């Protein structure tokens, strides 16, 4: 099928975003909205935005006029009958969408493809009462559509393959990557994104760190574009929490997707985020105004006598120990290389998936001397330090003095000034698996589970999550980058210590880790 005319039903932000990229691709676009005047307003707003982009040199005047000539507002639903494809972008309500699709079937031709931009509803359910469910498919874009170069193509149980093929070609023509996903809750992107916010909320709920600190660790250390609480404020708790509950319920209370009571409480209390001036952070005119308390470590730590006698290192991975030795040597710190640490040595533990207490017992060292460091994040970016609940204050101070700034082993006065200026380290309460380890391992594990369920190919999962959520890596390539065995170690230890089924490692991850092959490896079909 050659798509010459595309109809958009619903001319809000998503509908007009789809209209823009279709018009840019040379397709005639028919705009319809049941609300009087909405389609005209949508076209007017899009025209104003395109004119601003033209003024900035993004388009020529001829290109602008050509795009505008392809955008036609229609007043009656029957006027979209000439379109080869209709894309619905209305409210996320199953009954209302089903009513619309019944109306569409009365006016379009038998060959017209009916696509839904639903983000969370079952395509099969939307198509269930249609006379021709075989022509119905999901065509899920992300906001802002022109910038988010990804679209999920979701066949329902009855959808013909030819419909999927046409939509994939159309996505490419409009400059987007089309990824095919099974009709399952959350499809790929909203499914794959469940780990980030829910695990961060669980960490916050356990009192491991403040929401500012968690944001800082994941943004500065793990390279996420936004911290999870910044993201929740931007999206709005009124949007995010219902999605969390919906996917959790649709998967019959699978522990991996468990929401947190805090966002339900914030929803009830109308602490929705940036749009209302306050959520986790406070905002004025859309700008964050709260002070990031993560920048200010405990004054008790900063003013303590932090003269470092020596450091004893225990590391789960040889490369981590080498990196720490190099760091200590560069800062003129004496390394305690005895079998048993000297009583005055700071015991530094580079561990995975454990808390400091259990690691100290495993290494047979005194927990009162021990501070754990997360080596999942690079030392040059951010350092997360975790004392045990009995670690003596002097050793906490030594660890923070050593890693809280780039100044190394200086006198306490200069160290205090430098530490107050630095933003390179965060002290957290004792936790099974730090912050970044827990969140990143959960993101990767969930991506592996999506692959195991054959919701999409590993490549499509990776591309969809990276492009759709702005993560530094897709979950599959991230696992390969960090090493599947390291990710598996984190999850196995957390699962063993907590007995929480949300942390159970995916069989996809386990098999490929034990065989030392890429997480992209798929089993051949014989």
Protein backbone atom coordinates (compact mmCIF):
# COMPACT_ATOMS: atom_id res chain seq x y z
CA UNK A 1 0.00 0.00 0.00
CA UNK A 2 1.22 3.49 -0.87
CA UNK A 3 0.13 5.92 1.82
CA UNK A 4 -0.87 9.23 0.26
CA UNK A 5 -3.38 10.40 2.87
CA UNK A 6 -3.28 9.93 6.63
CA UNK A 7 -6.14 10.91 8.94
CA UNK A 8 -5.55 11.93 12.56
CA UNK A 9 -8.46 11.64 14.98
CA UNK A 10 -7.63 13.60 18.11
CA UNK A 11 -5.63 16.79 17.65
CA UNK A 12 -3.94 17.17 20.99
CA UNK A 13 -0.18 17.20 21.50
CA UNK A 14 0.31 13.61 20.32
CA UNK A 15 -2.02 13.86 17.35
CA UNK A 16 -0.44 17.06 16.08
CA UNK A 17 3.03 15.64 16.59
CA UNK A 18 2.14 12.71 14.33
CA UNK A 19 0.56 15.16 11.88
CA UNK A 20 3.80 17.17 11.75
CA UNK A 21 6.09 14.29 10.85
CA UNK A 22 3.58 12.97 8.31
CA UNK A 23 3.34 16.35 6.60
CA UNK A 24 7.13 16.65 6.60
CA UNK A 25 7.24 13.25 4.87
CA UNK A 26 5.03 14.51 2.03
CA UNK A 27 1.79 12.88 3.18
CA UNK A 28 -1.58 14.63 3.04
CA UNK A 29 -2.98 14.84 6.57
CA UNK A 30 -6.66 15.14 7.50
CA UNK A 31 -7.26 16.52 11.00
CA UNK A 32 -10.43 15.69 12.91
CA UNK A 33 -11.44 16.21 16.52
CA UNK A 34 -14.87 15.67 18.04
CA UNK A 35 -14.45 18.80 20.16
CA UNK A 36 -15.57 21.87 18.23
CA UNK A 37 -12.66 24.08 17.21
CA UNK A 38 -9.98 21.71 18.55
CA UNK A 39 -8.67 20.67 15.13
CA UNK A 40 -8.41 24.29 13.99
CA UNK A 41 -6.59 25.19 17.20
CA UNK A 42 -4.24 22.23 16.78
CA UNK A 43 -3.39 23.24 13.22
CA UNK A 44 -2.91 26.87 14.26
CA UNK A 45 -0.51 25.89 17.06
CA UNK A 46 1.45 23.60 14.75
CA UNK A 47 1.69 26.33 12.11
CA UNK A 48 3.04 28.80 14.68
CA UNK A 49 5.66 26.31 15.81
CA UNK A 50 6.71 25.47 12.22
CA UNK A 51 7.01 29.18 11.45
CA UNK A 52 9.36 29.61 14.43
CA UNK A 53 11.47 26.68 13.22
CA UNK A 54 11.57 28.21 9.73
CA UNK A 55 12.75 31.51 11.20
CA UNK A 56 15.58 29.59 12.87
CA UNK A 57 16.57 28.04 9.54
CA UNK A 58 15.19 24.54 10.16
CA UNK A 59 12.97 24.76 7.07
CA UNK A 60 12.90 26.93 3.99
CA UNK A 61 9.86 29.08 3.23
CA UNK A 62 8.95 26.72 0.37
CA UNK A 63 9.17 23.70 2.70
CA UNK A 64 7.00 25.48 5.25
CA UNK A 65 4.29 26.29 2.72
CA UNK A 66 4.37 22.75 1.35
CA UNK A 67 3.91 21.28 4.84
CA UNK A 68 1.08 23.64 5.69
CA UNK A 69 -0.68 22.82 2.40
CA UNK A 70 -0.77 19.16 3.46
CA UNK A 71 -2.63 19.87 6.73
CA UNK A 72 -6.41 19.94 6.21
CA UNK A 73 -9.01 20.33 8.95
CA UNK A 74 -12.23 18.38 8.41
CA UNK A 75 -15.48 18.99 10.27
CA UNK A 76 -17.14 15.59 9.90
CA UNK A 77 -15.77 12.12 10.56
CA UNK A 78 -17.11 11.00 7.21
CA UNK A 79 -14.63 13.34 5.49
CA UNK A 80 -11.70 11.08 6.37
CA UNK A 81 -13.00 8.29 4.11
CA UNK A 82 -10.24 8.87 1.52
CA UNK A 83 -7.41 8.14 3.96
CA UNK A 84 -5.43 4.91 3.57
CA UNK A 85 -4.59 4.97 7.29
CA UNK A 86 -6.43 6.47 10.26
CA UNK A 87 -4.44 7.07 13.45
CA UNK A 88 -6.49 7.51 16.62
CA UNK A 89 -4.89 9.70 19.32
CA UNK A 90 -7.71 10.32 21.78
CA UNK A 91 -8.17 9.75 25.52
CA UNK A 92 -6.81 6.51 27.05
CA UNK A 93 -10.20 4.96 27.71
CA UNK A 94 -11.03 1.54 26.28
CA UNK A 95 -14.78 2.06 25.93
CA UNK A 96 -14.38 5.42 24.20
CA UNK A 97 -11.77 4.04 21.80
CA UNK A 98 -13.99 1.06 20.94
CA UNK A 99 -16.89 3.41 20.19
CA UNK A 100 -14.66 5.46 17.91
CA UNK A 101 -13.42 2.42 15.99
CA UNK A 102 -17.00 1.31 15.43
CA UNK A 103 -17.74 4.76 13.98
CA UNK A 104 -14.62 4.64 11.81
CA UNK A 105 -15.63 1.33 10.26
CA UNK A 106 -18.84 2.95 9.08
CA UNK A 107 -17.02 5.63 7.06
CA UNK A 108 -13.70 4.21 5.82
CA UNK A 109 -13.06 1.82 2.95
CA UNK A 110 -12.58 -1.93 3.53
CA UNK A 111 -8.83 -1.53 2.90
CA UNK A 112 -8.24 1.33 5.34
CA UNK A 113 -5.84 0.54 8.18
CA UNK A 114 -7.05 1.63 11.62
CA UNK A 115 -4.22 2.40 14.03
CA UNK A 116 -4.34 3.35 17.70
CA UNK A 117 -1.74 5.44 19.49
CA UNK A 118 -2.61 3.80 22.80
CA UNK A 119 0.23 3.61 25.30
CA UNK A 120 -1.22 1.09 27.70
CA UNK A 121 -4.46 -0.48 26.44
CA UNK A 122 -4.73 -3.84 24.71
CA UNK A 123 -4.89 -3.52 20.92
CA UNK A 124 -6.77 -6.82 20.81
CA UNK A 125 -9.38 -5.40 23.18
CA UNK A 126 -9.76 -2.22 21.11
CA UNK A 127 -10.28 -4.31 17.96
CA UNK A 128 -12.47 -6.97 19.55
CA UNK A 129 -15.83 -5.56 18.42
CA UNK A 130 -14.66 -4.39 15.00
CA UNK A 131 -16.06 -6.05 11.89
CA UNK A 132 -12.52 -6.26 10.56
CA UNK A 133 -10.13 -6.63 13.52
CA UNK A 134 -7.45 -7.85 11.12
CA UNK A 135 -6.79 -4.27 9.98
CA UNK A 136 -6.40 -2.82 13.48
CA UNK A 137 -2.94 -2.32 15.02
CA UNK A 138 -1.15 -0.22 17.59
CA UNK A 139 1.02 2.64 16.34
CA UNK A 140 2.43 4.10 19.55
CA UNK A 141 4.50 7.28 19.32
CA UNK A 142 6.24 9.14 22.15
CA UNK A 143 6.09 12.78 23.12
CA UNK A 144 7.46 14.99 21.63
CA UNK A 145 6.84 13.00 18.46
CA UNK A 146 9.22 14.89 16.11
CA UNK A 147 12.15 14.39 18.52
CA UNK A 148 11.43 10.88 19.84
CA UNK A 149 12.47 8.84 16.81
CA UNK A 150 10.76 5.64 17.88
CA UNK A 151 7.30 4.14 17.32
CA UNK A 152 5.98 0.83 18.59
CA UNK A 153 3.97 -1.25 16.13
CA UNK A 154 1.66 -3.62 17.96
CA UNK A 155 -0.35 -6.29 16.16
CA UNK A 156 -3.41 -7.60 17.99
CA UNK A 157 -4.27 -11.28 17.94
CA UNK A 158 -6.15 -10.86 14.63
CA UNK A 159 -3.93 -8.28 12.90
CA UNK A 160 -2.68 -9.23 9.43
CA UNK A 161 1.07 -9.16 8.80
CA UNK A 162 0.53 -6.86 5.82
CA UNK A 163 -0.80 -4.18 8.18
CA UNK A 164 2.36 -4.43 10.30
CA UNK A 165 4.50 -4.15 7.17
CA UNK A 166 2.69 -1.02 5.97
CA UNK A 167 3.05 0.67 9.34
CA UNK A 168 6.75 -0.23 9.52
CA UNK A 169 7.32 1.31 6.08
CA UNK A 170 5.34 4.39 7.09
CA UNK A 171 7.38 4.81 10.27
CA UNK A 172 10.60 4.73 8.26
CA UNK A 173 9.19 7.19 5.74
CA UNK A 174 8.39 9.60 8.59
CA UNK A 175 11.93 9.30 9.95
CA UNK A 176 11.18 7.00 12.87
CA UNK A 177 12.37 3.55 13.85
CA UNK A 178 9.42 1.17 13.95
CA UNK A 179 9.79 -1.69 16.45
CA UNK A 180 7.30 -4.53 16.53
CA UNK A 181 5.99 -5.62 19.94
CA UNK A 182 3.55 -8.20 21.22
CA UNK A 183 0.22 -6.93 22.50
CA UNK A 184 1.23 -7.16 26.16
CA UNK A 185 0.87 -4.63 29.01
CA UNK A 186 3.18 -1.67 28.42
CA UNK A 187 4.40 -3.08 25.09
CA UNK A 188 8.20 -2.47 25.08
CA UNK A 189 9.00 1.02 26.35
CA UNK A 190 6.45 1.46 29.13
CA UNK A 191 7.12 -2.14 30.16
CA UNK A 192 10.90 -1.72 30.11
CA UNK A 193 10.64 1.55 32.04
CA UNK A 194 8.98 -0.04 35.06
CA UNK A 195 12.26 -0.84 36.81
CA UNK A 196 13.66 2.70 36.98
CA UNK A 197 11.00 4.51 38.98
CA UNK A 198 9.68 1.61 41.05
CA UNK A 199 13.13 0.56 42.29
CA UNK A 200 14.10 4.15 43.07
CA UNK A 201 10.89 4.53 45.07
CA UNK A 202 11.64 1.32 46.95
CA UNK A 203 15.13 2.60 47.80
CA UNK A 204 13.65 5.88 49.01
CA UNK A 205 11.05 4.03 51.04
CA UNK A 206 13.77 2.01 52.77
CA UNK A 207 15.46 5.21 53.91
CA UNK A 208 18.68 4.42 52.06
CA UNK A 209 19.04 7.95 50.68
CA UNK A 210 17.01 11.09 50.03
CA UNK A 211 15.28 11.50 46.68
CA UNK A 212 17.81 14.22 45.80
CA UNK A 213 20.69 11.85 46.52
CA UNK A 214 19.13 9.04 44.51
CA UNK A 215 18.61 11.38 41.57
CA UNK A 216 22.20 12.57 41.85
CA UNK A 217 23.69 9.07 41.97
CA UNK A 218 21.71 7.85 38.97
CA UNK A 219 22.17 11.02 36.94
CA UNK A 220 25.81 11.78 37.68
CA UNK A 221 27.05 8.25 38.29
CA UNK A 222 24.94 6.01 36.05
CA UNK A 223 24.46 8.60 33.26
CA UNK A 224 20.66 8.66 33.22
CA UNK A 225 19.47 11.85 31.56
CA UNK A 226 17.20 12.66 34.51
CA UNK A 227 16.93 11.28 38.00
CA UNK A 228 13.83 9.13 38.63
CA UNK A 229 12.22 11.73 40.90
CA UNK A 230 12.94 14.55 38.47
CA UNK A 231 11.29 12.38 35.83
CA UNK A 232 8.25 11.63 38.01
CA UNK A 233 7.82 15.36 38.60
CA UNK A 234 8.11 16.09 34.88
CA UNK A 235 5.68 13.37 33.80
CA UNK A 236 3.31 13.99 36.69
CA UNK A 237 2.36 11.55 39.43
CA UNK A 238 -1.21 11.62 38.08
CA UNK A 239 0.15 10.07 34.88
CA UNK A 240 2.90 7.84 36.25
CA UNK A 241 1.22 6.20 39.22
CA UNK A 242 -1.88 4.95 37.35
CA UNK A 243 0.43 3.41 34.74
CA UNK A 244 2.42 1.69 37.51
CA UNK A 245 -0.79 0.29 38.99
CA UNK A 246 -2.20 -0.67 35.59
CA UNK A 247 0.83 -2.69 34.50
CA UNK A 248 1.16 -4.27 37.96
CA UNK A 249 -2.48 -5.36 37.86
CA UNK A 250 -2.37 -6.49 34.22
CA UNK A 251 0.56 -8.77 35.04
CA UNK A 252 -1.43 -10.22 37.96
CA UNK A 253 0.72 -8.63 40.67
CA UNK A 254 4.10 -9.68 39.33
CA UNK A 255 6.57 -8.47 41.98
CA UNK A 256 8.90 -6.83 39.43
CA UNK A 257 6.27 -4.15 38.72
CA UNK A 258 5.12 -3.47 42.29
CA UNK A 259 4.22 0.23 42.76
CA UNK A 260 5.02 2.13 45.93
CA UNK A 261 2.50 3.61 48.39
CA UNK A 262 4.29 6.97 48.34
CA UNK A 263 3.18 7.92 44.83
CA UNK A 264 -0.40 6.86 45.65
CA UNK A 265 -0.24 9.16 48.69
CA UNK A 266 1.17 12.00 46.56
CA UNK A 267 -1.60 11.47 44.02
CA UNK A 268 -4.27 11.73 46.71
CA UNK A 269 -2.50 14.75 48.20
CA UNK A 270 -2.27 16.41 44.76
CA UNK A 271 1.51 16.66 44.92
CA UNK A 272 1.65 15.89 41.21
CA UNK A 273 4.93 17.47 40.16
CA UNK A 274 6.07 20.37 38.05
CA UNK A 275 2.64 21.12 36.58
CA UNK A 276 1.21 22.11 39.99
CA UNK A 277 4.37 23.67 41.40
CA UNK A 278 5.35 20.82 43.69
CA UNK A 279 5.97 17.09 43.80
CA UNK A 280 9.24 15.72 45.06
CA UNK A 281 10.81 19.09 44.29
CA UNK A 282 9.30 22.59 44.41
CA UNK A 283 8.91 24.71 41.27
CA UNK A 284 8.31 28.31 40.33
CA UNK A 285 7.29 29.03 36.74
CA UNK A 286 8.26 25.47 35.84
CA UNK A 287 11.80 25.77 37.25
CA UNK A 288 13.11 23.77 40.20
CA UNK A 289 13.73 25.97 43.22
CA UNK A 290 14.44 23.48 46.01
CA UNK A 291 17.99 23.18 47.32
CA UNK A 292 19.65 19.86 46.48
CA UNK A 293 20.45 18.58 49.94
CA UNK A 294 22.62 15.88 48.35
CA UNK A 295 25.24 18.59 47.78
CA UNK A 296 25.62 18.99 51.54
CA UNK A 297 27.01 16.00 53.36
CA UNK A 298 26.74 15.68 57.14
CA UNK A 299 28.75 18.38 58.89
CA UNK A 300 29.73 15.78 61.48
CA UNK A 301 31.57 13.88 58.78
CA UNK A 302 33.21 16.97 57.30
CA UNK A 303 34.65 18.31 60.55
CA UNK A 304 35.90 14.98 61.90
CA UNK A 305 39.57 14.19 62.08
CA UNK A 306 40.02 12.31 58.81
CA UNK A 307 43.76 11.69 58.75
CA UNK A 308 44.19 8.44 56.84
CA UNK A 309 46.75 5.99 58.22
CA UNK A 310 46.28 3.30 55.57
CA UNK A 311 43.59 1.58 53.52
CA UNK A 312 42.92 -2.15 53.26
CA UNK A 313 41.05 -3.21 50.11
CA UNK A 314 38.62 -6.06 49.64
CA UNK A 315 37.20 -6.34 46.12
CA UNK A 316 34.89 -8.84 44.45
CA UNK A 317 36.47 -8.16 41.04
CA UNK A 318 40.20 -7.98 40.35
CA UNK A 319 39.81 -5.01 38.01
CA UNK A 320 38.08 -3.03 40.76
CA UNK A 321 40.95 -3.69 43.17
CA UNK A 322 43.48 -2.57 40.56
CA UNK A 323 41.52 0.62 39.94
CA UNK A 324 41.32 1.41 43.65
CA UNK A 325 45.03 0.72 44.16
CA UNK A 326 45.84 3.12 41.30
CA UNK A 327 43.56 5.74 42.84
CA UNK A 328 45.13 5.40 46.29
CA UNK A 329 48.65 5.53 44.87
CA UNK A 330 47.77 8.65 42.91
CA UNK A 331 46.66 10.28 46.16
CA UNK A 332 49.70 9.15 48.16
CA UNK A 333 47.67 6.91 50.44
CA UNK A 334 49.38 3.95 52.11
CA UNK A 335 47.90 0.58 51.17
CA UNK A 336 47.57 -2.01 53.92
CA UNK A 337 48.40 -5.26 52.12
CA UNK A 338 48.39 -7.50 55.17
CA UNK A 339 46.14 -10.53 55.25
CA UNK A 340 44.24 -9.01 58.20
CA UNK A 341 43.68 -5.23 58.27
CA UNK A 342 45.51 -3.14 60.85
CA UNK A 343 43.07 -1.88 63.55
CA UNK A 344 43.65 1.70 62.35
CA UNK A 345 43.23 0.98 58.65
CA UNK A 346 40.16 2.05 56.75
CA UNK A 347 38.64 -1.13 55.28
CA UNK A 348 37.36 -0.35 51.80
CA UNK A 349 35.05 -2.98 50.27
CA UNK A 350 34.24 -2.93 46.54
CA UNK A 351 31.25 -5.22 46.57
CA UNK A 352 28.20 -6.17 44.51
CA UNK A 353 24.67 -6.92 45.65
CA UNK A 354 25.46 -6.93 49.39
CA UNK A 355 25.31 -4.59 52.31
CA UNK A 356 28.47 -3.62 54.17
CA UNK A 357 27.70 -5.82 57.17
CA UNK A 358 27.41 -9.05 55.19
CA UNK A 359 30.42 -8.16 53.06
CA UNK A 360 32.56 -7.48 56.13
CA UNK A 361 31.60 -10.86 57.56
CA UNK A 362 32.40 -12.54 54.23
CA UNK A 363 35.81 -10.84 54.06
CA UNK A 364 36.39 -11.58 57.78
CA UNK A 365 37.10 -7.96 58.66
CA UNK A 366 35.79 -5.73 61.44
CA UNK A 367 32.52 -4.02 60.33
CA UNK A 368 33.47 -1.07 62.56
CA UNK A 369 36.31 -0.24 60.14
CA UNK A 370 34.38 -0.94 56.93
CA UNK A 371 33.02 1.37 54.26
CA UNK A 372 31.74 -0.09 50.97
CA UNK A 373 32.15 1.66 47.63
CA UNK A 374 30.07 1.12 44.50
CA UNK A 375 32.37 0.39 41.56
CA UNK A 376 29.51 -0.02 39.08
CA UNK A 377 29.79 3.72 38.47
CA UNK A 378 33.10 5.19 37.37
CA UNK A 379 35.32 6.81 39.99
CA UNK A 380 35.85 9.79 37.69
CA UNK A 381 32.10 10.51 37.65
CA UNK A 382 30.60 9.77 41.02
CA UNK A 383 31.35 7.69 44.11
CA UNK A 384 28.74 6.14 46.39
CA UNK A 385 29.99 5.24 49.87
CA UNK A 386 28.13 2.98 52.29
CA UNK A 387 29.24 2.47 55.90
CA UNK A 388 27.83 -0.36 57.99
CA UNK A 389 25.48 0.53 60.82
CA UNK A 390 28.41 0.20 63.26
CA UNK A 391 31.22 1.81 61.24
CA UNK A 392 33.16 4.23 63.42
CA UNK A 393 32.81 7.89 62.53
CA UNK A 394 36.55 8.34 61.92
CA UNK A 395 36.51 5.70 59.17
CA UNK A 396 33.43 7.24 57.57
CA UNK A 397 35.22 10.59 57.62
CA UNK A 398 38.35 9.06 56.08
CA UNK A 399 36.38 7.45 53.27
CA UNK A 400 34.54 10.66 52.49
CA UNK A 401 37.72 12.71 52.64
CA UNK A 402 39.36 10.30 50.23
CA UNK A 403 36.52 10.04 47.70
CA UNK A 404 34.37 13.09 48.42
CA UNK A 405 36.72 15.41 46.58
CA UNK A 406 39.63 15.23 44.19
CA UNK A 407 42.10 16.57 46.72
CA UNK A 408 43.31 13.29 48.21
CA UNK A 409 45.07 12.95 51.58
CA UNK A 410 45.32 16.58 52.77
CA UNK A 411 44.92 18.19 56.14
CA UNK A 412 41.45 18.24 57.64
CA UNK A 413 40.88 21.99 57.14
CA UNK A 414 41.52 22.00 53.40
CA UNK A 415 39.68 18.71 53.03
CA UNK A 416 36.60 20.17 54.66
CA UNK A 417 36.54 23.15 52.29
CA UNK A 418 37.11 20.99 49.26
CA UNK A 419 34.50 18.45 50.35
CA UNK A 420 31.88 21.15 50.71
CA UNK A 421 32.57 22.30 47.15
CA UNK A 422 32.79 18.84 45.64
CA UNK A 423 29.88 16.95 44.17
CA UNK A 424 31.67 13.70 43.46
CA UNK A 425 30.50 11.47 46.34
CA UNK A 426 27.36 10.55 48.21
CA UNK A 427 27.11 8.80 51.57
CA UNK A 428 24.11 6.49 51.85
CA UNK A 429 22.65 4.39 54.63
CA UNK A 430 23.38 0.69 54.59
CA UNK A 431 21.54 -1.00 51.74
CA UNK A 432 21.57 -4.36 50.04
CA UNK A 433 23.11 -3.43 46.71
CA UNK A 434 23.73 0.34 46.94
CA UNK A 435 21.55 2.57 44.66
CA UNK A 436 22.96 2.41 41.13
CA UNK A 437 23.55 -1.34 41.34
CA UNK A 438 19.96 -2.04 42.27
CA UNK A 439 18.40 0.23 39.68
CA UNK A 440 20.68 -0.62 36.75
CA UNK A 441 20.55 -4.36 37.43
CA UNK A 442 16.75 -4.22 37.57
CA UNK A 443 16.61 -2.31 34.25
CA UNK A 444 18.82 -4.91 32.59
CA UNK A 445 17.02 -7.86 34.16
CA UNK A 446 13.63 -6.58 33.04
CA UNK A 447 14.93 -6.09 29.49
CA UNK A 448 16.13 -9.70 29.55
CA UNK A 449 12.73 -10.86 30.76
CA UNK A 450 11.00 -8.98 27.93
CA UNK A 451 13.31 -10.74 25.48
CA UNK A 452 12.61 -14.11 27.08
CA UNK A 453 8.87 -13.53 26.69
CA UNK A 454 9.51 -12.78 23.00
CA UNK A 455 7.62 -9.50 23.28
CA UNK A 456 10.17 -8.15 20.81
CA UNK A 457 13.62 -9.01 19.50
CA UNK A 458 16.58 -8.13 21.75
CA UNK A 459 17.67 -5.50 19.21
CA UNK A 460 14.22 -3.88 19.13
CA UNK A 461 13.98 -3.93 22.92
CA UNK A 462 17.38 -2.26 23.17
CA UNK A 463 16.61 0.42 20.58
CA UNK A 464 13.10 1.10 21.86
CA UNK A 465 14.13 1.58 25.48
CA UNK A 466 17.16 3.70 24.65
CA UNK A 467 15.29 5.95 22.22
CA UNK A 468 11.97 5.96 24.06
CA UNK A 469 13.33 6.57 27.55
CA UNK A 470 16.65 8.29 26.88
CA UNK A 471 18.72 5.77 28.83
CA UNK A 472 22.49 5.82 28.22
CA UNK A 473 22.25 2.25 26.88
CA UNK A 474 19.48 -0.10 25.93
CA UNK A 475 19.04 -2.75 28.64
CA UNK A 476 20.53 -5.58 26.58
CA UNK A 477 23.65 -3.69 25.46
CA UNK A 478 24.02 -2.27 28.98
CA UNK A 479 24.20 -5.81 30.32
CA UNK A 480 26.89 -6.66 27.80
CA UNK A 481 28.77 -3.46 28.63
CA UNK A 482 28.85 -4.15 32.37
CA UNK A 483 29.19 -7.90 31.98
CA UNK A 484 26.29 -10.30 32.43
CA UNK A 485 28.11 -12.12 35.24
CA UNK A 486 28.40 -8.92 37.28
CA UNK A 487 24.71 -8.10 36.81
CA UNK A 488 23.78 -11.66 37.74
CA UNK A 489 25.95 -11.48 40.88
CA UNK A 490 24.15 -8.32 42.01
CA UNK A 491 20.72 -9.86 41.56
CA UNK A 492 21.58 -13.23 43.06
CA UNK A 493 22.93 -11.65 46.22
CA UNK A 494 20.06 -9.19 46.63
CA UNK A 495 17.56 -11.99 46.07
CA UNK A 496 19.34 -14.25 48.57
CA UNK A 497 19.50 -11.54 51.25
CA UNK A 498 15.98 -10.11 50.80
CA UNK A 499 13.96 -13.11 49.52
CA UNK A 500 11.99 -10.56 47.49
CA UNK A 501 10.92 -12.15 44.18
CA UNK A 502 11.26 -8.85 42.34
CA UNK A 503 15.03 -9.47 42.30
CA UNK A 504 15.01 -13.02 40.95
CA UNK A 505 17.35 -13.17 37.94
CA UNK A 506 15.78 -13.75 34.54
CA UNK A 507 16.63 -17.15 33.03
CA UNK A 508 17.65 -15.23 29.89
CA UNK A 509 20.33 -13.46 31.92
CA UNK A 510 21.37 -16.58 33.84
CA UNK A 511 21.95 -18.78 30.79
CA UNK A 512 23.92 -16.21 28.82
CA UNK A 513 26.01 -15.27 31.84
CA UNK A 514 26.95 -18.88 32.53
CA UNK A 515 27.75 -19.52 28.87
CA UNK A 516 29.73 -16.24 28.66
CA UNK A 517 27.86 -15.12 25.53
CA UNK A 518 26.21 -11.82 24.60
CA UNK A 519 22.78 -11.06 25.99
CA UNK A 520 21.69 -10.52 22.39
CA UNK A 521 22.22 -14.25 21.71
CA UNK A 522 19.03 -15.93 20.54
CA UNK A 523 18.41 -19.63 20.32
CA UNK A 524 18.41 -21.01 16.78
CA UNK A 525 15.11 -22.46 15.58
CA UNK A 526 15.63 -25.94 14.14
